[in-house]
N, C-alpha and C. Protein backbone atom coordinates (compact mmCIF):
# COMPACT_ATOMS: atom_id res chain seq x y z
N MET A 1 183.76 152.62 13.81
CA MET A 1 184.77 151.76 13.27
C MET A 1 184.23 150.33 13.28
N THR A 2 184.39 149.63 12.20
CA THR A 2 183.93 148.26 12.06
C THR A 2 185.12 147.33 12.12
N THR A 3 184.99 146.28 12.93
CA THR A 3 186.07 145.29 12.99
C THR A 3 185.54 143.97 12.45
N ALA A 4 186.35 143.31 11.73
CA ALA A 4 185.98 142.01 11.17
C ALA A 4 186.28 140.94 12.20
N THR A 5 185.36 140.02 12.36
CA THR A 5 185.61 138.90 13.26
C THR A 5 186.28 137.79 12.47
N PRO A 6 187.32 137.23 13.02
CA PRO A 6 188.00 136.15 12.30
C PRO A 6 187.08 134.94 12.15
N THR A 7 187.19 134.30 11.01
CA THR A 7 186.39 133.11 10.75
C THR A 7 187.30 131.96 10.43
N ARG A 8 186.79 130.76 10.66
CA ARG A 8 187.54 129.58 10.27
C ARG A 8 187.42 129.42 8.77
N PRO A 9 188.34 128.74 8.12
CA PRO A 9 188.27 128.58 6.66
C PRO A 9 186.97 127.94 6.19
N ASP A 10 186.41 126.96 6.94
CA ASP A 10 185.18 126.31 6.50
C ASP A 10 183.98 127.26 6.62
N GLU A 11 184.06 128.28 7.48
CA GLU A 11 182.96 129.22 7.62
C GLU A 11 182.97 130.28 6.53
N GLN A 12 184.08 130.50 5.87
CA GLN A 12 184.13 131.50 4.81
C GLN A 12 183.23 131.11 3.65
N GLN A 13 183.06 129.83 3.39
CA GLN A 13 182.24 129.34 2.30
C GLN A 13 180.76 129.24 2.66
N ALA A 14 180.43 129.19 3.96
CA ALA A 14 179.06 128.95 4.41
C ALA A 14 178.21 130.19 4.27
N THR A 15 176.94 129.97 3.99
CA THR A 15 175.99 131.08 3.94
C THR A 15 175.65 131.48 5.38
N GLU A 16 174.98 132.62 5.54
CA GLU A 16 174.63 133.13 6.86
C GLU A 16 173.78 132.12 7.66
N PRO A 17 172.69 131.56 7.08
CA PRO A 17 171.91 130.58 7.87
C PRO A 17 172.73 129.34 8.26
N GLU A 18 173.63 128.89 7.40
CA GLU A 18 174.46 127.74 7.74
C GLU A 18 175.38 128.06 8.91
N ARG A 19 175.95 129.29 8.91
CA ARG A 19 176.80 129.69 10.03
C ARG A 19 175.98 129.75 11.32
N ASP A 20 174.75 130.28 11.26
CA ASP A 20 173.90 130.35 12.44
C ASP A 20 173.61 128.95 12.98
N LEU A 21 173.35 127.98 12.07
CA LEU A 21 173.06 126.61 12.50
C LEU A 21 174.26 126.01 13.21
N ARG A 22 175.46 126.26 12.70
CA ARG A 22 176.66 125.73 13.35
C ARG A 22 176.86 126.33 14.74
N ILE A 23 176.54 127.60 14.87
CA ILE A 23 176.73 128.27 16.16
C ILE A 23 175.76 127.72 17.20
N HIS A 24 174.51 127.45 16.80
CA HIS A 24 173.48 127.02 17.73
C HIS A 24 173.37 125.50 17.88
N ARG A 25 174.11 124.74 17.16
CA ARG A 25 174.06 123.28 17.25
C ARG A 25 174.71 122.83 18.55
N HIS A 26 174.08 121.91 19.21
CA HIS A 26 174.60 121.37 20.46
C HIS A 26 175.69 120.36 20.15
N LEU A 27 176.68 120.27 21.00
CA LEU A 27 177.80 119.34 20.78
C LEU A 27 177.34 117.88 20.72
N LEU A 28 176.31 117.53 21.44
CA LEU A 28 175.85 116.15 21.46
C LEU A 28 175.02 115.78 20.23
N ASP A 29 174.64 116.77 19.41
CA ASP A 29 173.85 116.50 18.21
C ASP A 29 174.57 115.57 17.23
N GLN A 30 175.88 115.48 17.30
CA GLN A 30 176.61 114.60 16.40
C GLN A 30 176.32 113.12 16.66
N PHE A 31 175.75 112.81 17.82
CA PHE A 31 175.45 111.43 18.18
C PHE A 31 173.99 111.04 17.96
N VAL A 32 173.14 112.00 17.59
CA VAL A 32 171.71 111.76 17.44
C VAL A 32 171.27 112.21 16.05
N PRO A 33 170.61 111.35 15.28
CA PRO A 33 170.13 111.77 13.96
C PRO A 33 169.15 112.94 14.08
N ASP A 34 169.21 113.85 13.14
CA ASP A 34 168.34 115.03 13.13
C ASP A 34 166.93 114.61 12.73
N PRO A 35 165.92 114.81 13.62
CA PRO A 35 164.55 114.38 13.32
C PRO A 35 163.72 115.42 12.58
N SER A 36 164.31 116.57 12.23
CA SER A 36 163.51 117.67 11.67
C SER A 36 162.84 117.31 10.35
N ALA A 37 163.35 116.36 9.59
CA ALA A 37 162.73 115.98 8.32
C ALA A 37 161.73 114.83 8.48
N MET A 38 161.57 114.31 9.68
CA MET A 38 160.66 113.18 9.91
C MET A 38 159.27 113.69 10.26
N MET A 39 158.27 112.90 9.90
CA MET A 39 156.88 113.25 10.19
C MET A 39 156.54 112.81 11.62
N PRO A 40 155.73 113.59 12.34
CA PRO A 40 155.28 113.15 13.67
C PRO A 40 154.44 111.88 13.57
N LEU A 41 154.47 111.07 14.60
CA LEU A 41 153.68 109.83 14.63
C LEU A 41 152.19 110.12 14.60
N CYS A 42 151.77 111.21 15.29
CA CYS A 42 150.36 111.54 15.41
C CYS A 42 150.25 112.97 15.94
N ASP A 43 149.01 113.39 16.23
CA ASP A 43 148.82 114.73 16.79
C ASP A 43 149.22 114.73 18.27
N GLU A 44 149.23 115.91 18.90
CA GLU A 44 149.68 116.05 20.28
C GLU A 44 148.85 115.23 21.27
N PRO A 45 147.50 115.26 21.21
CA PRO A 45 146.75 114.43 22.16
C PRO A 45 147.03 112.93 21.98
N GLY A 46 147.19 112.48 20.75
CA GLY A 46 147.51 111.07 20.50
C GLY A 46 148.87 110.70 21.04
N PHE A 47 149.85 111.61 20.86
CA PHE A 47 151.20 111.34 21.36
C PHE A 47 151.21 111.34 22.88
N ALA A 48 150.44 112.26 23.49
CA ALA A 48 150.35 112.29 24.95
C ALA A 48 149.76 110.98 25.48
N ALA A 49 148.78 110.42 24.76
CA ALA A 49 148.17 109.15 25.16
C ALA A 49 149.18 108.00 25.03
N ILE A 50 149.98 108.02 23.98
CA ILE A 50 151.03 107.01 23.80
C ILE A 50 152.02 107.07 24.97
N LEU A 51 152.44 108.28 25.32
CA LEU A 51 153.40 108.45 26.42
C LEU A 51 152.80 108.00 27.75
N GLU A 52 151.54 108.35 27.99
CA GLU A 52 150.88 107.94 29.22
C GLU A 52 150.81 106.42 29.33
N SER A 53 150.51 105.76 28.23
CA SER A 53 150.44 104.30 28.21
C SER A 53 151.83 103.69 28.44
N MET A 54 152.85 104.27 27.81
CA MET A 54 154.21 103.78 27.97
C MET A 54 154.65 103.88 29.43
N VAL A 55 154.35 105.00 30.06
CA VAL A 55 154.72 105.18 31.46
C VAL A 55 153.97 104.20 32.34
N ALA A 56 152.67 104.00 32.09
CA ALA A 56 151.87 103.06 32.89
C ALA A 56 152.39 101.64 32.73
N ASP A 57 152.79 101.26 31.51
CA ASP A 57 153.28 99.90 31.26
C ASP A 57 154.62 99.63 31.93
N GLU A 58 155.47 100.65 32.02
CA GLU A 58 156.83 100.44 32.52
C GLU A 58 157.06 100.98 33.93
N ALA A 59 156.01 101.44 34.59
CA ALA A 59 156.17 102.02 35.92
C ALA A 59 156.69 100.98 36.91
N PRO A 60 157.65 101.38 37.74
CA PRO A 60 158.10 100.46 38.79
C PRO A 60 157.01 100.30 39.84
N ARG A 61 157.06 99.21 40.59
CA ARG A 61 156.07 98.94 41.64
C ARG A 61 156.58 99.52 42.96
N LEU A 62 155.69 100.15 43.68
CA LEU A 62 156.00 100.78 44.95
C LEU A 62 155.74 99.81 46.10
N PHE A 63 156.65 99.80 47.06
CA PHE A 63 156.46 98.95 48.24
C PHE A 63 157.01 99.65 49.47
N ALA A 64 156.65 99.12 50.62
CA ALA A 64 157.17 99.62 51.89
C ALA A 64 157.76 98.46 52.67
N ILE A 65 158.76 98.77 53.46
CA ILE A 65 159.27 97.83 54.44
C ILE A 65 158.68 98.29 55.77
N VAL A 66 157.85 97.43 56.33
CA VAL A 66 157.15 97.75 57.57
C VAL A 66 157.79 96.95 58.70
N GLN A 67 158.07 97.63 59.81
CA GLN A 67 158.58 96.95 60.99
C GLN A 67 157.39 96.65 61.90
N GLU A 68 157.20 95.36 62.16
CA GLU A 68 156.10 94.91 63.01
C GLU A 68 156.64 94.62 64.41
N TYR A 69 156.02 95.26 65.39
CA TYR A 69 156.41 95.07 66.78
C TYR A 69 155.53 93.99 67.39
N GLY A 70 156.17 92.93 67.88
CA GLY A 70 155.43 91.82 68.46
C GLY A 70 154.58 91.11 67.43
N GLN A 71 153.55 90.46 67.90
CA GLN A 71 152.64 89.73 67.01
C GLN A 71 151.44 90.63 66.73
N ARG A 72 151.57 91.49 65.72
CA ARG A 72 150.52 92.43 65.33
C ARG A 72 150.16 93.43 66.43
N VAL A 73 151.12 93.74 67.32
CA VAL A 73 150.89 94.70 68.39
C VAL A 73 150.95 96.12 67.85
N ASP A 74 151.94 96.40 67.00
CA ASP A 74 152.11 97.74 66.42
C ASP A 74 153.02 97.61 65.21
N ALA A 75 153.07 98.66 64.44
CA ALA A 75 153.93 98.65 63.24
C ALA A 75 154.23 100.07 62.81
N ARG A 76 155.31 100.19 62.04
CA ARG A 76 155.66 101.48 61.44
C ARG A 76 156.32 101.24 60.10
N ILE A 77 156.17 102.20 59.20
CA ILE A 77 156.85 102.12 57.91
C ILE A 77 158.29 102.56 58.13
N ALA A 78 159.23 101.68 57.84
CA ALA A 78 160.64 101.97 58.05
C ALA A 78 161.34 102.43 56.77
N ALA A 79 160.82 102.03 55.62
CA ALA A 79 161.46 102.39 54.35
C ALA A 79 160.45 102.29 53.23
N TRP A 80 160.71 103.05 52.18
CA TRP A 80 159.93 102.96 50.94
C TRP A 80 160.86 102.45 49.85
N GLY A 81 160.28 101.73 48.90
CA GLY A 81 161.09 101.23 47.80
C GLY A 81 160.32 101.15 46.51
N ILE A 82 161.07 101.03 45.44
CA ILE A 82 160.48 100.80 44.12
C ILE A 82 161.19 99.61 43.49
N ALA A 83 160.39 98.74 42.90
CA ALA A 83 160.91 97.53 42.25
C ALA A 83 160.78 97.70 40.74
N PHE A 84 161.82 97.34 40.03
CA PHE A 84 161.87 97.49 38.59
C PHE A 84 161.67 96.15 37.89
N ASP A 85 161.33 96.22 36.59
CA ASP A 85 161.06 95.01 35.81
C ASP A 85 162.23 94.03 35.80
N ASP A 86 163.45 94.53 35.88
CA ASP A 86 164.60 93.63 35.83
C ASP A 86 164.83 92.92 37.17
N GLY A 87 163.99 93.21 38.16
CA GLY A 87 164.08 92.53 39.44
C GLY A 87 164.73 93.35 40.54
N HIS A 88 165.58 94.31 40.22
CA HIS A 88 166.26 95.06 41.26
C HIS A 88 165.32 96.08 41.90
N ALA A 89 165.72 96.56 43.07
CA ALA A 89 164.90 97.52 43.80
C ALA A 89 165.79 98.63 44.35
N GLU A 90 165.19 99.77 44.56
CA GLU A 90 165.84 100.90 45.21
C GLU A 90 165.02 101.20 46.45
N ILE A 91 165.70 101.45 47.58
CA ILE A 91 164.96 101.79 48.80
C ILE A 91 165.50 103.09 49.39
N ALA A 92 164.64 103.75 50.15
CA ALA A 92 165.03 104.95 50.89
C ALA A 92 164.44 104.86 52.29
N ALA A 93 165.30 105.11 53.27
CA ALA A 93 164.88 105.04 54.67
C ALA A 93 165.59 106.10 55.48
N ARG A 94 164.88 107.13 55.88
CA ARG A 94 165.43 108.17 56.76
C ARG A 94 166.82 108.62 56.34
N GLY A 95 166.95 109.09 55.13
CA GLY A 95 168.21 109.62 54.64
C GLY A 95 169.18 108.59 54.10
N VAL A 96 168.85 107.32 54.19
CA VAL A 96 169.71 106.25 53.67
C VAL A 96 169.06 105.69 52.42
N GLN A 97 169.85 105.51 51.38
CA GLN A 97 169.35 104.94 50.14
C GLN A 97 170.16 103.72 49.80
N GLY A 98 169.53 102.80 49.09
CA GLY A 98 170.26 101.60 48.70
C GLY A 98 169.67 100.95 47.48
N ARG A 99 170.50 100.15 46.83
CA ARG A 99 170.10 99.37 45.66
C ARG A 99 170.24 97.90 46.02
N LEU A 100 169.20 97.14 45.71
CA LEU A 100 169.17 95.72 46.08
C LEU A 100 168.88 94.87 44.86
N ARG A 101 169.28 93.61 44.91
CA ARG A 101 168.97 92.69 43.79
C ARG A 101 167.48 92.40 43.71
N ALA A 102 166.80 92.40 44.87
CA ALA A 102 165.36 92.12 44.92
C ALA A 102 164.78 92.84 46.13
N PRO A 103 163.50 93.20 46.08
CA PRO A 103 162.88 93.90 47.22
C PRO A 103 163.01 93.13 48.54
N GLU A 104 162.89 91.81 48.49
CA GLU A 104 162.97 90.99 49.69
C GLU A 104 164.33 91.08 50.39
N ASP A 105 165.36 91.44 49.65
CA ASP A 105 166.70 91.56 50.24
C ASP A 105 166.78 92.68 51.28
N ALA A 106 165.83 93.61 51.28
CA ALA A 106 165.84 94.70 52.25
C ALA A 106 165.42 94.26 53.64
N LEU A 107 164.68 93.17 53.73
CA LEU A 107 164.10 92.76 55.00
C LEU A 107 165.14 92.56 56.10
N ARG A 108 166.25 91.97 55.75
CA ARG A 108 167.26 91.65 56.78
C ARG A 108 167.83 92.90 57.46
N PHE A 109 167.78 94.05 56.79
CA PHE A 109 168.31 95.28 57.37
C PHE A 109 167.35 95.91 58.38
N PHE A 110 166.11 95.47 58.40
CA PHE A 110 165.10 96.12 59.23
C PHE A 110 164.56 95.24 60.34
N ASN A 111 165.04 94.00 60.45
CA ASN A 111 164.74 93.19 61.62
C ASN A 111 165.55 93.77 62.78
N PHE A 112 164.99 93.73 63.99
CA PHE A 112 165.69 94.33 65.12
C PHE A 112 165.41 93.49 66.35
N GLY A 113 166.43 92.76 66.79
CA GLY A 113 166.28 91.90 67.95
C GLY A 113 165.25 90.81 67.70
N SER A 114 164.62 90.36 68.76
CA SER A 114 163.63 89.29 68.60
C SER A 114 162.20 89.80 68.65
N HIS A 115 162.00 91.12 68.81
CA HIS A 115 160.66 91.66 68.94
C HIS A 115 160.20 92.47 67.72
N ILE A 116 161.11 92.78 66.84
CA ILE A 116 160.74 93.59 65.67
C ILE A 116 161.13 92.85 64.40
N ARG A 117 160.15 92.52 63.60
CA ARG A 117 160.34 91.80 62.34
C ARG A 117 159.93 92.69 61.18
N ALA A 118 160.68 92.61 60.09
CA ALA A 118 160.38 93.40 58.89
C ALA A 118 159.46 92.62 57.97
N ARG A 119 158.59 93.35 57.31
CA ARG A 119 157.63 92.76 56.39
C ARG A 119 157.59 93.63 55.13
N LEU A 120 157.58 92.99 53.98
CA LEU A 120 157.46 93.71 52.71
C LEU A 120 155.97 93.83 52.37
N VAL A 121 155.51 95.05 52.12
CA VAL A 121 154.11 95.29 51.79
C VAL A 121 154.05 96.05 50.48
N TRP A 122 153.42 95.46 49.47
CA TRP A 122 153.26 96.11 48.17
C TRP A 122 152.17 97.17 48.25
N PHE A 123 152.41 98.32 47.65
CA PHE A 123 151.45 99.41 47.65
C PHE A 123 150.20 99.03 46.87
N ASN A 124 149.04 99.23 47.46
CA ASN A 124 147.76 98.98 46.83
C ASN A 124 146.94 100.26 46.94
N PRO A 125 146.80 101.02 45.87
CA PRO A 125 146.09 102.30 45.95
C PRO A 125 144.63 102.14 46.38
N ASP A 126 144.04 100.98 46.13
CA ASP A 126 142.65 100.75 46.52
C ASP A 126 142.50 100.58 48.04
N ALA A 127 143.59 100.34 48.75
CA ALA A 127 143.53 100.14 50.19
C ALA A 127 143.61 101.45 50.97
N ALA A 128 143.80 102.57 50.29
CA ALA A 128 143.92 103.86 50.98
C ALA A 128 142.63 104.20 51.71
N THR A 129 142.80 104.79 52.87
CA THR A 129 141.64 105.21 53.66
C THR A 129 140.95 106.37 52.94
N PRO A 130 139.64 106.24 52.70
CA PRO A 130 138.96 107.34 52.01
C PRO A 130 138.96 108.59 52.87
N PRO A 131 139.04 109.76 52.22
CA PRO A 131 139.03 110.99 53.01
C PRO A 131 137.70 111.15 53.74
N ASP A 132 137.76 111.67 54.94
CA ASP A 132 136.57 111.91 55.74
C ASP A 132 136.01 113.28 55.35
N ASP A 133 134.74 113.35 55.03
CA ASP A 133 134.13 114.62 54.63
C ASP A 133 134.27 115.68 55.71
N ASP A 134 134.24 115.28 56.99
CA ASP A 134 134.38 116.24 58.08
C ASP A 134 135.77 116.85 58.10
N ASP A 135 136.81 116.06 57.75
CA ASP A 135 138.18 116.57 57.72
C ASP A 135 138.36 117.60 56.63
N GLU A 136 137.70 117.44 55.49
CA GLU A 136 137.85 118.37 54.38
C GLU A 136 137.20 119.71 54.69
N ALA A 137 136.16 119.74 55.50
CA ALA A 137 135.47 120.98 55.81
C ALA A 137 136.27 121.84 56.79
N ALA A 138 137.15 121.23 57.56
CA ALA A 138 137.90 121.97 58.56
C ALA A 138 139.00 122.82 57.98
């Protein structure tokens, strides 16, 4: 036995491919122009290079809030943060997250008494300790 599925009046006039397109169209597509008729900017490796450059140009800067004990006696990283081009920063510290107007605004939260002072240190990948060949063999 065959049963007919009810259709809306506008679907009665549509061809089969048009009905399929309506069924599979995402609701948010009404807000974004359809790019299917546009030509790609370049080939895939060229586009990947464009994206890599875009990410490198707009990457936020990484920093740490370091708590210094005494006068260079000891230190620990208390929080990590990222600074954005508009000046604001996001920090994370042991399960606590926050948004600040500027990276320096985090310092006041990490001073502790008169013996522990907070210091903002910008990440420098060139300062990383090189791996020890003996450690890699183990």
